[in-house]
Amino acid sequence: MMTSLVLTVIGPDKPGLVELLAQTIADHQGNWLESGMSRLAGKFAGILITEVPADKAEALTAALTALEAQGLKIVTERSAEAEAAAGQSFTLELVGHDKPGIVREISQALAKRHINVERLSTELTSGSMSAELLFKASADLSAAADTDLDDLQDALEDIASDLMVDITLNN
């Protein structure tokens, strides 16, 4: 029997951190399944899912905790993969001048409509015509089959006008 573990990882960025994680997982007969990792503000941060034989899960968790001596902080959680409910999936793309509150406004509109954020990626980039910073966001979203996407689109258009950003919703 296999156990799924979700790991969150953070530490000072340096070469070899992914190899250190991968080797520790492999040493416990684990399998690296999915991950998202980035260098952010000089830190290495990530989240990953690994599967390990149930009788090796505790030993792997202890080995991962021991990596703190090498600068990595790792939180390990057992995962019970929930079955996906029937529904609809769609994406949201946003571009606009950076200002505080953009993520808050969008996430409030989504939460109010019980829309789940499955993946969110944001970045600041320099505008091509000016030196002003542009905020870009991309999100994969899911909702119940009966969710009114026209209502969401209307709410997002109101937010876009208030924040002076462009928001695109794609099915």
N, C-alpha and C. Protein backbone atom coordinates (compact mmCIF):
# COMPACT_ATOMS: atom_id res chain seq x y z
N MET A 1 0.85 -1.18 0.00
CA MET A 1 0.00 0.00 0.00
C MET A 1 0.89 1.24 0.00
N MET A 2 0.50 2.22 -0.80
CA MET A 2 1.28 3.46 -0.92
C MET A 2 0.59 4.59 -0.15
N THR A 3 1.41 5.50 0.35
CA THR A 3 0.93 6.68 1.05
C THR A 3 1.37 7.91 0.27
N SER A 4 0.44 8.82 0.03
CA SER A 4 0.78 10.08 -0.64
C SER A 4 1.13 11.12 0.41
N LEU A 5 2.22 11.83 0.17
CA LEU A 5 2.65 12.90 1.04
C LEU A 5 2.75 14.19 0.24
N VAL A 6 2.26 15.27 0.81
CA VAL A 6 2.40 16.59 0.22
C VAL A 6 3.48 17.30 1.03
N LEU A 7 4.51 17.78 0.35
CA LEU A 7 5.63 18.45 1.01
C LEU A 7 5.66 19.91 0.61
N THR A 8 5.83 20.78 1.58
CA THR A 8 6.14 22.18 1.28
C THR A 8 7.56 22.40 1.74
N VAL A 9 8.32 23.09 0.91
CA VAL A 9 9.76 23.22 1.09
C VAL A 9 10.15 24.68 0.97
N ILE A 10 11.03 25.15 1.86
CA ILE A 10 11.60 26.49 1.72
C ILE A 10 12.99 26.49 2.34
N GLY A 11 13.87 27.23 1.69
CA GLY A 11 15.23 27.38 2.21
C GLY A 11 16.01 28.34 1.35
N PRO A 12 17.21 28.70 1.80
CA PRO A 12 18.06 29.58 0.99
C PRO A 12 18.39 28.88 -0.34
N ASP A 13 18.27 29.61 -1.44
CA ASP A 13 18.51 29.02 -2.74
C ASP A 13 19.99 28.71 -2.93
N LYS A 14 20.27 27.48 -3.37
CA LYS A 14 21.63 27.08 -3.72
C LYS A 14 21.54 25.84 -4.60
N PRO A 15 22.55 25.62 -5.42
CA PRO A 15 22.53 24.44 -6.29
C PRO A 15 22.45 23.14 -5.47
N GLY A 16 21.73 22.17 -5.99
CA GLY A 16 21.67 20.85 -5.38
C GLY A 16 20.49 20.57 -4.48
N LEU A 17 19.62 21.56 -4.24
CA LEU A 17 18.50 21.33 -3.34
C LEU A 17 17.49 20.33 -3.89
N VAL A 18 17.19 20.42 -5.18
CA VAL A 18 16.24 19.47 -5.78
C VAL A 18 16.84 18.06 -5.74
N GLU A 19 18.13 17.95 -6.02
CA GLU A 19 18.77 16.64 -5.97
C GLU A 19 18.73 16.07 -4.56
N LEU A 20 18.95 16.92 -3.55
CA LEU A 20 18.90 16.49 -2.16
C LEU A 20 17.51 15.95 -1.81
N LEU A 21 16.48 16.65 -2.22
CA LEU A 21 15.11 16.18 -2.00
C LEU A 21 14.84 14.87 -2.74
N ALA A 22 15.21 14.85 -4.01
CA ALA A 22 14.96 13.66 -4.84
C ALA A 22 15.69 12.44 -4.28
N GLN A 23 16.92 12.62 -3.84
CA GLN A 23 17.68 11.50 -3.29
C GLN A 23 17.07 11.00 -1.99
N THR A 24 16.64 11.92 -1.14
CA THR A 24 16.02 11.54 0.13
C THR A 24 14.74 10.74 -0.12
N ILE A 25 13.95 11.19 -1.08
CA ILE A 25 12.72 10.48 -1.43
C ILE A 25 13.05 9.10 -2.00
N ALA A 26 14.01 9.04 -2.91
CA ALA A 26 14.40 7.76 -3.53
C ALA A 26 14.97 6.79 -2.50
N ASP A 27 15.72 7.31 -1.53
CA ASP A 27 16.30 6.46 -0.48
C ASP A 27 15.23 5.73 0.33
N HIS A 28 14.01 6.25 0.30
CA HIS A 28 12.90 5.65 1.05
C HIS A 28 11.87 5.02 0.10
N GLN A 29 12.33 4.68 -1.10
CA GLN A 29 11.50 4.03 -2.13
C GLN A 29 10.29 4.87 -2.53
N GLY A 30 10.46 6.19 -2.43
CA GLY A 30 9.39 7.10 -2.81
C GLY A 30 9.43 7.42 -4.29
N ASN A 31 8.33 7.91 -4.77
CA ASN A 31 8.19 8.30 -6.17
C ASN A 31 7.74 9.75 -6.21
N TRP A 32 8.51 10.62 -6.87
CA TRP A 32 8.20 12.04 -7.04
C TRP A 32 7.11 12.14 -8.10
N LEU A 33 5.92 12.65 -7.74
CA LEU A 33 4.79 12.68 -8.66
C LEU A 33 4.59 14.03 -9.34
N GLU A 34 4.30 15.05 -8.57
CA GLU A 34 4.02 16.38 -9.12
C GLU A 34 4.71 17.41 -8.26
N SER A 35 5.10 18.53 -8.89
CA SER A 35 5.72 19.58 -8.09
C SER A 35 5.63 20.92 -8.81
N GLY A 36 5.79 21.95 -8.02
CA GLY A 36 5.94 23.32 -8.51
C GLY A 36 6.96 23.98 -7.60
N MET A 37 8.05 24.45 -8.19
CA MET A 37 9.13 25.03 -7.39
C MET A 37 9.66 26.27 -8.07
N SER A 38 10.12 27.23 -7.25
CA SER A 38 10.61 28.49 -7.80
C SER A 38 11.65 29.09 -6.88
N ARG A 39 12.45 29.97 -7.45
CA ARG A 39 13.33 30.82 -6.68
C ARG A 39 12.57 32.13 -6.50
N LEU A 40 12.34 32.50 -5.25
CA LEU A 40 11.61 33.72 -4.93
C LEU A 40 12.38 34.49 -3.88
N ALA A 41 12.80 35.71 -4.21
CA ALA A 41 13.49 36.59 -3.27
C ALA A 41 14.68 35.90 -2.60
N GLY A 42 15.45 35.16 -3.40
CA GLY A 42 16.64 34.50 -2.87
C GLY A 42 16.36 33.21 -2.13
N LYS A 43 15.11 32.83 -2.06
CA LYS A 43 14.72 31.58 -1.40
C LYS A 43 14.28 30.56 -2.45
N PHE A 44 14.50 29.31 -2.14
CA PHE A 44 13.97 28.21 -2.93
C PHE A 44 12.70 27.78 -2.24
N ALA A 45 11.58 27.78 -2.96
CA ALA A 45 10.30 27.41 -2.36
C ALA A 45 9.57 26.47 -3.30
N GLY A 46 8.88 25.52 -2.72
CA GLY A 46 8.15 24.59 -3.57
C GLY A 46 7.15 23.76 -2.81
N ILE A 47 6.37 23.07 -3.60
CA ILE A 47 5.41 22.11 -3.08
C ILE A 47 5.48 20.90 -4.00
N LEU A 48 5.41 19.72 -3.42
CA LEU A 48 5.45 18.52 -4.25
C LEU A 48 4.64 17.41 -3.61
N ILE A 49 4.25 16.47 -4.46
CA ILE A 49 3.55 15.28 -4.01
C ILE A 49 4.45 14.10 -4.29
N THR A 50 4.62 13.27 -3.28
CA THR A 50 5.39 12.05 -3.44
C THR A 50 4.56 10.89 -2.92
N GLU A 51 4.81 9.72 -3.47
CA GLU A 51 4.17 8.51 -3.01
C GLU A 51 5.25 7.61 -2.46
N VAL A 52 4.99 6.99 -1.32
CA VAL A 52 5.98 6.16 -0.64
C VAL A 52 5.26 4.95 -0.06
N PRO A 53 5.93 3.78 0.00
CA PRO A 53 5.29 2.65 0.67
C PRO A 53 4.88 3.07 2.09
N ALA A 54 3.70 2.63 2.51
CA ALA A 54 3.14 3.05 3.80
C ALA A 54 4.11 2.80 4.95
N ASP A 55 4.86 1.70 4.89
CA ASP A 55 5.78 1.38 5.98
C ASP A 55 7.06 2.23 5.96
N LYS A 56 7.23 3.06 4.94
CA LYS A 56 8.40 3.94 4.83
C LYS A 56 8.05 5.40 5.09
N ALA A 57 6.76 5.72 5.23
CA ALA A 57 6.31 7.11 5.34
C ALA A 57 6.91 7.82 6.55
N GLU A 58 6.91 7.18 7.70
CA GLU A 58 7.45 7.82 8.91
C GLU A 58 8.94 8.06 8.79
N ALA A 59 9.66 7.08 8.24
CA ALA A 59 11.11 7.22 8.08
C ALA A 59 11.43 8.34 7.09
N LEU A 60 10.65 8.44 6.01
CA LEU A 60 10.86 9.52 5.05
C LEU A 60 10.58 10.87 5.70
N THR A 61 9.51 10.96 6.44
CA THR A 61 9.17 12.21 7.12
C THR A 61 10.31 12.63 8.06
N ALA A 62 10.86 11.70 8.80
CA ALA A 62 11.98 11.99 9.70
C ALA A 62 13.22 12.44 8.91
N ALA A 63 13.50 11.77 7.80
CA ALA A 63 14.66 12.13 6.97
C ALA A 63 14.48 13.53 6.38
N LEU A 64 13.27 13.86 5.97
CA LEU A 64 13.02 15.19 5.42
C LEU A 64 13.16 16.26 6.50
N THR A 65 12.68 15.96 7.70
CA THR A 65 12.83 16.90 8.82
C THR A 65 14.31 17.13 9.12
N ALA A 66 15.12 16.09 9.00
CA ALA A 66 16.56 16.19 9.27
C ALA A 66 17.27 17.10 8.26
N LEU A 67 16.65 17.35 7.11
CA LEU A 67 17.27 18.24 6.11
C LEU A 67 17.31 19.69 6.59
N GLU A 68 16.63 20.00 7.69
CA GLU A 68 16.68 21.35 8.24
C GLU A 68 18.12 21.72 8.60
N ALA A 69 18.93 20.73 8.96
CA ALA A 69 20.34 20.98 9.27
C ALA A 69 21.09 21.53 8.05
N GLN A 70 20.55 21.29 6.86
CA GLN A 70 21.14 21.80 5.62
C GLN A 70 20.40 23.03 5.11
N GLY A 71 19.53 23.58 5.92
CA GLY A 71 18.86 24.84 5.58
C GLY A 71 17.47 24.70 5.00
N LEU A 72 17.00 23.48 4.78
CA LEU A 72 15.67 23.29 4.20
C LEU A 72 14.63 23.07 5.30
N LYS A 73 13.58 23.84 5.27
CA LYS A 73 12.44 23.61 6.16
C LYS A 73 11.38 22.89 5.33
N ILE A 74 10.95 21.73 5.80
CA ILE A 74 10.00 20.92 5.05
C ILE A 74 8.84 20.55 5.96
N VAL A 75 7.64 20.84 5.50
CA VAL A 75 6.42 20.43 6.19
C VAL A 75 5.83 19.29 5.38
N THR A 76 5.52 18.19 6.05
CA THR A 76 4.99 17.00 5.39
C THR A 76 3.57 16.74 5.88
N GLU A 77 2.67 16.55 4.94
CA GLU A 77 1.27 16.25 5.26
C GLU A 77 0.85 15.01 4.48
N ARG A 78 0.15 14.11 5.14
CA ARG A 78 -0.43 12.96 4.42
C ARG A 78 -1.60 13.48 3.59
N SER A 79 -1.76 12.88 2.43
CA SER A 79 -2.81 13.33 1.52
C SER A 79 -3.80 12.21 1.26
N ALA A 80 -5.05 12.55 1.32
CA ALA A 80 -6.11 11.65 0.88
C ALA A 80 -6.72 12.32 -0.34
N GLU A 81 -6.34 11.87 -1.50
CA GLU A 81 -6.79 12.49 -2.75
C GLU A 81 -8.30 12.37 -2.86
N ALA A 82 -8.97 13.50 -2.84
CA ALA A 82 -10.42 13.52 -2.98
C ALA A 82 -10.79 13.32 -4.44
N GLU A 83 -11.89 12.64 -4.65
CA GLU A 83 -12.35 12.47 -6.03
C GLU A 83 -12.85 13.80 -6.56
N ALA A 84 -12.51 14.06 -7.79
CA ALA A 84 -12.92 15.32 -8.41
C ALA A 84 -14.43 15.31 -8.66
N ALA A 85 -15.07 16.35 -8.23
CA ALA A 85 -16.50 16.48 -8.46
C ALA A 85 -16.74 16.92 -9.90
N ALA A 86 -17.86 16.49 -10.43
CA ALA A 86 -18.20 16.91 -11.79
C ALA A 86 -18.38 18.42 -11.79
N GLY A 87 -17.84 19.06 -12.76
CA GLY A 87 -17.96 20.51 -12.80
C GLY A 87 -17.34 21.05 -14.07
N GLN A 88 -16.91 22.28 -13.96
CA GLN A 88 -16.31 22.94 -15.12
C GLN A 88 -14.97 23.54 -14.72
N SER A 89 -14.05 23.50 -15.65
CA SER A 89 -12.72 24.07 -15.45
C SER A 89 -12.54 25.23 -16.42
N PHE A 90 -11.81 26.24 -15.97
CA PHE A 90 -11.56 27.39 -16.83
C PHE A 90 -10.34 28.13 -16.31
N THR A 91 -9.86 29.09 -17.09
CA THR A 91 -8.67 29.85 -16.71
C THR A 91 -8.99 31.34 -16.63
N LEU A 92 -8.19 32.01 -15.84
CA LEU A 92 -8.29 33.46 -15.70
C LEU A 92 -6.91 34.04 -15.98
N GLU A 93 -6.85 35.06 -16.80
CA GLU A 93 -5.60 35.77 -17.10
C GLU A 93 -5.83 37.23 -16.75
N LEU A 94 -4.84 37.85 -16.10
CA LEU A 94 -4.95 39.24 -15.67
C LEU A 94 -3.65 39.95 -15.96
N VAL A 95 -3.74 41.17 -16.47
CA VAL A 95 -2.57 42.03 -16.69
C VAL A 95 -2.99 43.46 -16.35
N GLY A 96 -2.15 44.14 -15.59
CA GLY A 96 -2.43 45.53 -15.27
C GLY A 96 -1.31 46.16 -14.47
N HIS A 97 -1.38 47.46 -14.29
CA HIS A 97 -0.37 48.14 -13.47
C HIS A 97 -0.46 47.61 -12.05
N ASP A 98 0.70 47.40 -11.46
CA ASP A 98 0.74 46.82 -10.12
C ASP A 98 0.19 47.80 -9.09
N LYS A 99 -0.61 47.27 -8.18
CA LYS A 99 -1.10 48.03 -7.04
C LYS A 99 -1.56 47.04 -5.99
N PRO A 100 -1.52 47.42 -4.73
CA PRO A 100 -1.98 46.51 -3.67
C PRO A 100 -3.46 46.17 -3.82
N GLY A 101 -3.81 44.91 -3.52
CA GLY A 101 -5.21 44.51 -3.48
C GLY A 101 -5.73 43.75 -4.68
N ILE A 102 -4.93 43.59 -5.72
CA ILE A 102 -5.44 42.91 -6.92
C ILE A 102 -5.83 41.46 -6.60
N VAL A 103 -4.93 40.72 -5.97
CA VAL A 103 -5.23 39.32 -5.66
C VAL A 103 -6.40 39.22 -4.69
N ARG A 104 -6.45 40.11 -3.72
CA ARG A 104 -7.55 40.10 -2.75
C ARG A 104 -8.90 40.29 -3.46
N GLU A 105 -8.99 41.27 -4.35
CA GLU A 105 -10.26 41.55 -5.04
C GLU A 105 -10.71 40.36 -5.89
N ILE A 106 -9.78 39.79 -6.64
CA ILE A 106 -10.13 38.66 -7.51
C ILE A 106 -10.51 37.45 -6.67
N SER A 107 -9.72 37.15 -5.63
CA SER A 107 -9.99 35.96 -4.82
C SER A 107 -11.31 36.10 -4.06
N GLN A 108 -11.68 37.30 -3.66
CA GLN A 108 -12.98 37.49 -3.01
C GLN A 108 -14.13 37.19 -3.97
N ALA A 109 -13.99 37.65 -5.21
CA ALA A 109 -15.04 37.38 -6.21
C ALA A 109 -15.16 35.88 -6.47
N LEU A 110 -14.04 35.19 -6.51
CA LEU A 110 -14.06 33.75 -6.75
C LEU A 110 -14.66 33.00 -5.55
N ALA A 111 -14.21 33.34 -4.35
CA ALA A 111 -14.69 32.66 -3.14
C ALA A 111 -16.19 32.87 -2.95
N LYS A 112 -16.67 34.07 -3.25
CA LYS A 112 -18.10 34.37 -3.10
C LYS A 112 -18.94 33.44 -3.98
N ARG A 113 -18.38 32.99 -5.09
CA ARG A 113 -19.10 32.13 -6.03
C ARG A 113 -18.68 30.66 -5.89
N HIS A 114 -17.95 30.34 -4.83
CA HIS A 114 -17.50 28.97 -4.53
C HIS A 114 -16.65 28.39 -5.66
N ILE A 115 -15.80 29.23 -6.22
CA ILE A 115 -14.90 28.81 -7.29
C ILE A 115 -13.54 28.49 -6.67
N ASN A 116 -13.02 27.33 -7.00
CA ASN A 116 -11.77 26.85 -6.44
C ASN A 116 -10.58 27.26 -7.31
N VAL A 117 -9.54 27.78 -6.66
CA VAL A 117 -8.29 28.10 -7.35
C VAL A 117 -7.41 26.86 -7.28
N GLU A 118 -7.17 26.23 -8.42
CA GLU A 118 -6.36 25.02 -8.45
C GLU A 118 -4.89 25.33 -8.67
N ARG A 119 -4.61 26.41 -9.37
CA ARG A 119 -3.23 26.84 -9.59
C ARG A 119 -3.26 28.35 -9.78
N LEU A 120 -2.32 29.03 -9.15
CA LEU A 120 -2.21 30.48 -9.30
C LEU A 120 -0.74 30.82 -9.49
N SER A 121 -0.47 31.58 -10.52
CA SER A 121 0.89 32.03 -10.79
C SER A 121 0.84 33.54 -11.01
N THR A 122 1.70 34.28 -10.30
CA THR A 122 1.74 35.73 -10.45
C THR A 122 3.17 36.18 -10.66
N GLU A 123 3.32 37.33 -11.30
CA GLU A 123 4.65 37.90 -11.49
C GLU A 123 4.55 39.39 -11.74
N LEU A 124 5.65 40.08 -11.45
CA LEU A 124 5.79 41.49 -11.79
C LEU A 124 6.78 41.58 -12.94
N THR A 125 6.42 42.31 -13.96
CA THR A 125 7.31 42.50 -15.10
C THR A 125 7.35 43.99 -15.45
N SER A 126 8.39 44.37 -16.14
CA SER A 126 8.52 45.75 -16.58
C SER A 126 7.67 45.95 -17.83
N GLY A 127 6.91 47.03 -17.87
CA GLY A 127 6.08 47.33 -19.03
C GLY A 127 6.93 47.57 -20.26
N SER A 128 6.45 47.13 -21.41
CA SER A 128 7.24 47.26 -22.64
C SER A 128 7.35 48.71 -23.12
N MET A 129 6.36 49.52 -22.84
CA MET A 129 6.38 50.91 -23.30
C MET A 129 6.83 51.88 -22.22
N SER A 130 6.85 51.41 -20.97
CA SER A 130 7.25 52.28 -19.87
C SER A 130 8.03 51.47 -18.86
N ALA A 131 8.55 52.14 -17.88
CA ALA A 131 9.29 51.45 -16.83
C ALA A 131 8.37 51.00 -15.70
N GLU A 132 7.07 51.26 -15.84
CA GLU A 132 6.13 50.89 -14.79
C GLU A 132 6.02 49.37 -14.68
N LEU A 133 5.82 48.91 -13.45
CA LEU A 133 5.66 47.48 -13.22
C LEU A 133 4.25 47.03 -13.58
N LEU A 134 4.20 45.91 -14.30
CA LEU A 134 2.92 45.29 -14.63
C LEU A 134 2.76 44.05 -13.77
N PHE A 135 1.57 43.86 -13.23
CA PHE A 135 1.23 42.67 -12.48
C PHE A 135 0.52 41.73 -13.43
N LYS A 136 1.00 40.48 -13.49
CA LYS A 136 0.38 39.46 -14.32
C LYS A 136 -0.01 38.29 -13.44
N ALA A 137 -1.18 37.75 -13.70
CA ALA A 137 -1.65 36.58 -12.97
C ALA A 137 -2.29 35.61 -13.94
N SER A 138 -2.11 34.34 -13.65
CA SER A 138 -2.73 33.28 -14.43
C SER A 138 -3.24 32.26 -13.42
N ALA A 139 -4.49 31.82 -13.59
CA ALA A 139 -5.08 30.88 -12.64
C ALA A 139 -5.89 29.82 -13.37
N ASP A 140 -5.76 28.59 -12.90
CA ASP A 140 -6.64 27.51 -13.31
C ASP A 140 -7.69 27.39 -12.24
N LEU A 141 -8.95 27.42 -12.65
CA LEU A 141 -10.07 27.46 -11.72
C LEU A 141 -11.03 26.31 -11.99
N SER A 142 -11.79 25.94 -10.97
CA SER A 142 -12.85 24.94 -11.15
C SER A 142 -14.06 25.35 -10.32
N ALA A 143 -15.20 24.94 -10.83
CA ALA A 143 -16.46 25.29 -10.16
C ALA A 143 -17.49 24.21 -10.45
N ALA A 144 -18.55 24.23 -9.67
CA ALA A 144 -19.66 23.30 -9.89
C ALA A 144 -20.23 23.53 -11.29
N ALA A 145 -20.82 22.50 -11.83
CA ALA A 145 -21.37 22.58 -13.19
C ALA A 145 -22.42 23.67 -13.33
N ASP A 146 -23.14 23.97 -12.25
CA ASP A 146 -24.23 24.96 -12.33
C ASP A 146 -23.78 26.38 -11.98
N THR A 147 -22.48 26.61 -11.84
CA THR A 147 -21.99 27.96 -11.53
C THR A 147 -22.26 28.89 -12.71
N ASP A 148 -22.79 30.06 -12.41
CA ASP A 148 -23.11 31.05 -13.43
C ASP A 148 -21.84 31.83 -13.80
N LEU A 149 -21.21 31.43 -14.90
CA LEU A 149 -19.98 32.10 -15.33
C LEU A 149 -20.24 33.50 -15.87
N ASP A 150 -21.45 33.77 -16.33
CA ASP A 150 -21.78 35.13 -16.77
C ASP A 150 -21.76 36.08 -15.58
N ASP A 151 -22.26 35.62 -14.44
CA ASP A 151 -22.23 36.43 -13.22
C ASP A 151 -20.78 36.69 -12.82
N LEU A 152 -19.95 35.66 -12.89
CA LEU A 152 -18.53 35.84 -12.57
C LEU A 152 -17.89 36.83 -13.54
N GLN A 153 -18.17 36.69 -14.82
CA GLN A 153 -17.61 37.59 -15.82
C GLN A 153 -18.00 39.04 -15.52
N ASP A 154 -19.26 39.27 -15.16
CA ASP A 154 -19.72 40.62 -14.82
C ASP A 154 -18.96 41.16 -13.61
N ALA A 155 -18.80 40.33 -12.59
CA ALA A 155 -18.08 40.76 -11.39
C ALA A 155 -16.62 41.08 -11.71
N LEU A 156 -16.00 40.24 -12.54
CA LEU A 156 -14.60 40.47 -12.92
C LEU A 156 -14.45 41.74 -13.75
N GLU A 157 -15.42 42.03 -14.61
CA GLU A 157 -15.37 43.26 -15.39
C GLU A 157 -15.47 44.49 -14.50
N ASP A 158 -16.32 44.41 -13.46
CA ASP A 158 -16.40 45.52 -12.50
C ASP A 158 -15.07 45.71 -11.78
N ILE A 159 -14.46 44.61 -11.36
CA ILE A 159 -13.16 44.69 -10.68
C ILE A 159 -12.10 45.24 -11.63
N ALA A 160 -12.12 44.79 -12.87
CA ALA A 160 -11.14 45.25 -13.85
C ALA A 160 -11.24 46.76 -14.05
N SER A 161 -12.45 47.27 -14.09
CA SER A 161 -12.64 48.72 -14.24
C SER A 161 -12.11 49.47 -13.03
N ASP A 162 -12.44 48.97 -11.84
CA ASP A 162 -11.99 49.63 -10.61
C ASP A 162 -10.47 49.61 -10.47
N LEU A 163 -9.86 48.48 -10.80
CA LEU A 163 -8.40 48.33 -10.63
C LEU A 163 -7.60 48.74 -11.86
N MET A 164 -8.29 49.01 -12.95
CA MET A 164 -7.67 49.35 -14.23
C MET A 164 -6.71 48.25 -14.68
N VAL A 165 -7.26 47.02 -14.77
CA VAL A 165 -6.53 45.86 -15.26
C VAL A 165 -7.37 45.19 -16.33
N ASP A 166 -6.73 44.35 -17.12
CA ASP A 166 -7.45 43.52 -18.11
C ASP A 166 -7.57 42.12 -17.55
N ILE A 167 -8.78 41.59 -17.55
CA ILE A 167 -9.04 40.26 -17.06
C ILE A 167 -9.73 39.46 -18.16
N THR A 168 -9.22 38.26 -18.43
CA THR A 168 -9.81 37.39 -19.43
C THR A 168 -10.17 36.07 -18.77
N LEU A 169 -11.38 35.61 -19.00
CA LEU A 169 -11.87 34.34 -18.48
C LEU A 169 -12.07 33.42 -19.67
N ASN A 170 -11.43 32.26 -19.67
CA ASN A 170 -11.52 31.31 -20.80
C ASN A 170 -12.04 29.98 -20.32
N ASN A 171 -13.02 29.43 -21.06
CA ASN A 171 -13.53 28.08 -20.74
C ASN A 171 -12.62 27.05 -21.32
